[in-house]
């Protein structure tokens, strides 16, 4: 059995409805080009305000994935 080697990338997801949707959007987009995603670490949460109301959520996440064995 080989040791797993991991890499992390940082991305920011956004959503007009919720923090959870912002995280899901970030993971879904990253999954289009990254294989073997193993975990998500929420680093920062913020929201954009327009007209004194939350317009959308922004969540910065670090996505961990295993590197392929060659």
N, C-alpha and C. Protein backbone atom coordinates (compact mmCIF):
# COMPACT_ATOMS: atom_id res chain seq x y z
N UNK A 1 0.85 -1.18 0.00
CA UNK A 1 0.00 0.00 0.00
C UNK A 1 0.89 1.24 0.00
N UNK A 2 0.62 2.16 -0.90
CA UNK A 2 1.42 3.38 -0.97
C UNK A 2 0.83 4.45 -0.05
N UNK A 3 1.70 5.35 0.37
CA UNK A 3 1.25 6.47 1.20
C UNK A 3 0.48 7.46 0.33
N UNK A 4 -0.56 8.02 0.87
CA UNK A 4 -1.31 9.03 0.14
C UNK A 4 -0.58 10.36 0.22
N UNK A 5 -0.49 11.03 -0.89
CA UNK A 5 0.07 12.36 -0.95
C UNK A 5 -1.06 13.29 -1.36
N UNK A 6 -1.21 14.38 -0.62
CA UNK A 6 -2.33 15.29 -0.84
C UNK A 6 -1.84 16.64 -1.34
N UNK A 7 -2.73 17.33 -2.01
CA UNK A 7 -2.50 18.70 -2.43
C UNK A 7 -3.75 19.49 -2.07
N UNK A 8 -3.58 20.79 -1.78
CA UNK A 8 -4.73 21.64 -1.48
C UNK A 8 -4.74 22.83 -2.44
N UNK A 9 -5.93 23.20 -2.87
CA UNK A 9 -6.12 24.42 -3.65
C UNK A 9 -7.17 25.26 -2.94
N UNK A 10 -7.06 26.55 -3.10
CA UNK A 10 -8.00 27.46 -2.46
C UNK A 10 -8.89 28.08 -3.53
N UNK A 11 -10.20 28.01 -3.31
CA UNK A 11 -11.16 28.60 -4.24
C UNK A 11 -12.23 29.33 -3.44
N UNK A 12 -12.94 30.22 -4.10
CA UNK A 12 -14.03 30.96 -3.47
C UNK A 12 -15.32 30.67 -4.23
N UNK A 13 -16.32 30.15 -3.51
CA UNK A 13 -17.63 29.90 -4.09
C UNK A 13 -18.59 30.99 -3.65
N UNK A 14 -19.62 31.20 -4.44
CA UNK A 14 -20.62 32.20 -4.07
C UNK A 14 -22.02 31.67 -4.33
N UNK A 15 -22.97 32.29 -3.63
CA UNK A 15 -24.38 31.91 -3.78
C UNK A 15 -25.25 33.04 -3.27
N UNK A 16 -26.37 33.23 -3.93
CA UNK A 16 -27.33 34.23 -3.45
C UNK A 16 -28.23 33.68 -2.35
N UNK A 17 -28.18 32.36 -2.12
CA UNK A 17 -29.13 31.78 -1.17
C UNK A 17 -28.54 31.37 0.17
N UNK A 18 -27.31 30.77 0.19
CA UNK A 18 -26.81 30.29 1.49
C UNK A 18 -25.31 30.03 1.45
N UNK A 19 -24.74 29.92 2.65
CA UNK A 19 -23.33 29.56 2.78
C UNK A 19 -23.11 28.15 2.26
N UNK A 20 -23.99 27.24 2.60
CA UNK A 20 -23.86 25.85 2.15
C UNK A 20 -23.85 25.76 0.63
N UNK A 21 -24.73 26.50 -0.03
CA UNK A 21 -24.75 26.49 -1.49
C UNK A 21 -23.46 27.07 -2.06
N UNK A 22 -22.90 28.08 -1.40
CA UNK A 22 -21.63 28.66 -1.86
C UNK A 22 -20.52 27.63 -1.80
N UNK A 23 -20.47 26.84 -0.72
CA UNK A 23 -19.47 25.78 -0.60
C UNK A 23 -19.70 24.72 -1.68
N UNK A 24 -20.95 24.29 -1.84
CA UNK A 24 -21.28 23.30 -2.86
C UNK A 24 -20.91 23.78 -4.26
N UNK A 25 -21.14 25.05 -4.54
CA UNK A 25 -20.78 25.61 -5.85
C UNK A 25 -19.27 25.58 -6.07
N UNK A 26 -18.51 25.89 -5.02
CA UNK A 26 -17.04 25.86 -5.12
C UNK A 26 -16.55 24.44 -5.39
N UNK A 27 -17.09 23.48 -4.67
CA UNK A 27 -16.67 22.08 -4.84
C UNK A 27 -17.07 21.57 -6.22
N UNK A 28 -18.28 21.87 -6.65
CA UNK A 28 -18.75 21.41 -7.95
C UNK A 28 -17.88 21.96 -9.08
N UNK A 29 -17.53 23.22 -9.00
CA UNK A 29 -16.69 23.81 -10.06
C UNK A 29 -15.29 23.22 -10.03
N UNK A 30 -14.72 23.06 -8.83
CA UNK A 30 -13.38 22.47 -8.72
C UNK A 30 -13.37 21.03 -9.24
N UNK A 31 -14.46 20.30 -8.99
CA UNK A 31 -14.55 18.90 -9.41
C UNK A 31 -14.54 18.74 -10.93
N UNK A 32 -14.79 19.81 -11.66
CA UNK A 32 -14.73 19.74 -13.12
C UNK A 32 -13.30 19.52 -13.62
N UNK A 33 -12.31 19.92 -12.81
CA UNK A 33 -10.92 19.78 -13.25
C UNK A 33 -10.02 19.08 -12.23
N UNK A 34 -10.55 18.74 -11.06
CA UNK A 34 -9.75 18.07 -10.02
C UNK A 34 -10.39 16.72 -9.72
N UNK A 35 -9.55 15.68 -9.74
CA UNK A 35 -10.01 14.34 -9.36
C UNK A 35 -9.63 14.06 -7.91
N UNK A 36 -10.24 13.05 -7.35
CA UNK A 36 -9.86 12.51 -6.03
C UNK A 36 -10.01 13.51 -4.88
N UNK A 37 -11.05 14.35 -4.93
CA UNK A 37 -11.28 15.29 -3.83
C UNK A 37 -11.62 14.50 -2.57
N UNK A 38 -10.96 14.84 -1.46
CA UNK A 38 -11.13 14.11 -0.21
C UNK A 38 -11.74 14.95 0.91
N UNK A 39 -11.48 16.25 0.93
CA UNK A 39 -12.05 17.07 2.00
C UNK A 39 -12.13 18.53 1.57
N UNK A 40 -12.92 19.28 2.34
CA UNK A 40 -13.07 20.72 2.15
C UNK A 40 -12.91 21.38 3.50
N UNK A 41 -12.07 22.39 3.54
CA UNK A 41 -11.82 23.15 4.76
C UNK A 41 -12.33 24.57 4.54
N UNK A 42 -13.32 24.99 5.32
CA UNK A 42 -13.85 26.35 5.19
C UNK A 42 -12.89 27.31 5.88
N UNK A 43 -12.37 28.26 5.12
CA UNK A 43 -11.36 29.18 5.61
C UNK A 43 -11.96 30.53 6.01
N UNK A 44 -12.90 31.01 5.20
CA UNK A 44 -13.45 32.34 5.43
C UNK A 44 -14.87 32.41 4.88
N UNK A 45 -15.71 33.13 5.57
CA UNK A 45 -17.08 33.35 5.12
C UNK A 45 -17.35 34.85 5.15
N UNK A 46 -17.90 35.36 4.09
CA UNK A 46 -18.27 36.77 4.04
C UNK A 46 -19.48 36.93 3.14
N UNK A 47 -20.07 38.11 3.14
CA UNK A 47 -21.20 38.35 2.25
C UNK A 47 -21.09 39.74 1.66
N UNK A 48 -21.67 39.86 0.49
CA UNK A 48 -21.71 41.14 -0.21
C UNK A 48 -23.06 41.78 0.08
N UNK A 49 -23.04 43.06 0.43
CA UNK A 49 -24.27 43.77 0.82
C UNK A 49 -24.61 44.81 -0.24
N UNK A 50 -25.86 44.79 -0.65
CA UNK A 50 -26.40 45.81 -1.56
C UNK A 50 -27.72 46.30 -1.00
N UNK A 51 -27.92 47.60 -0.96
CA UNK A 51 -29.16 48.20 -0.45
C UNK A 51 -29.51 47.69 0.95
N UNK A 52 -28.47 47.59 1.79
CA UNK A 52 -28.63 47.18 3.19
C UNK A 52 -29.13 45.74 3.36
N UNK A 53 -28.97 44.92 2.33
CA UNK A 53 -29.36 43.51 2.39
C UNK A 53 -28.24 42.65 1.83
N UNK A 54 -28.17 41.42 2.31
CA UNK A 54 -27.18 40.48 1.78
C UNK A 54 -27.57 40.12 0.34
N UNK A 55 -26.65 40.41 -0.57
CA UNK A 55 -26.89 40.10 -1.98
C UNK A 55 -26.40 38.69 -2.32
N UNK A 56 -25.23 38.33 -1.78
CA UNK A 56 -24.73 36.97 -1.97
C UNK A 56 -23.66 36.65 -0.96
N UNK A 57 -23.50 35.35 -0.72
CA UNK A 57 -22.49 34.82 0.19
C UNK A 57 -21.25 34.44 -0.59
N UNK A 58 -20.09 34.64 0.02
CA UNK A 58 -18.82 34.20 -0.55
C UNK A 58 -18.12 33.36 0.51
N UNK A 59 -17.71 32.16 0.13
CA UNK A 59 -17.03 31.27 1.07
C UNK A 59 -15.72 30.82 0.45
N UNK A 60 -14.62 31.10 1.16
CA UNK A 60 -13.31 30.63 0.73
C UNK A 60 -13.08 29.25 1.33
N UNK A 61 -12.72 28.29 0.48
CA UNK A 61 -12.48 26.92 0.95
C UNK A 61 -11.14 26.44 0.41
N UNK A 62 -10.52 25.56 1.18
CA UNK A 62 -9.35 24.82 0.71
C UNK A 62 -9.84 23.43 0.41
N UNK A 63 -9.58 22.97 -0.80
CA UNK A 63 -10.04 21.66 -1.24
C UNK A 63 -8.82 20.73 -1.27
N UNK A 64 -8.90 19.64 -0.52
CA UNK A 64 -7.82 18.67 -0.46
C UNK A 64 -8.11 17.48 -1.36
N UNK A 65 -7.11 17.03 -2.08
CA UNK A 65 -7.29 15.89 -2.97
C UNK A 65 -6.00 15.09 -3.03
N UNK A 66 -6.13 13.80 -3.35
CA UNK A 66 -4.96 12.95 -3.46
C UNK A 66 -4.38 13.07 -4.86
N UNK A 67 -3.06 12.99 -4.92
CA UNK A 67 -2.37 12.98 -6.20
C UNK A 67 -2.35 11.57 -6.75
N UNK A 68 -2.40 11.45 -8.06
CA UNK A 68 -2.36 10.14 -8.71
C UNK A 68 -1.00 9.49 -8.52
N UNK A 69 -0.99 8.17 -8.35
CA UNK A 69 0.26 7.40 -8.35
C UNK A 69 0.70 7.21 -9.78
N UNK A 70 1.98 7.39 -10.03
CA UNK A 70 2.49 7.18 -11.40
C UNK A 70 3.45 6.03 -11.45
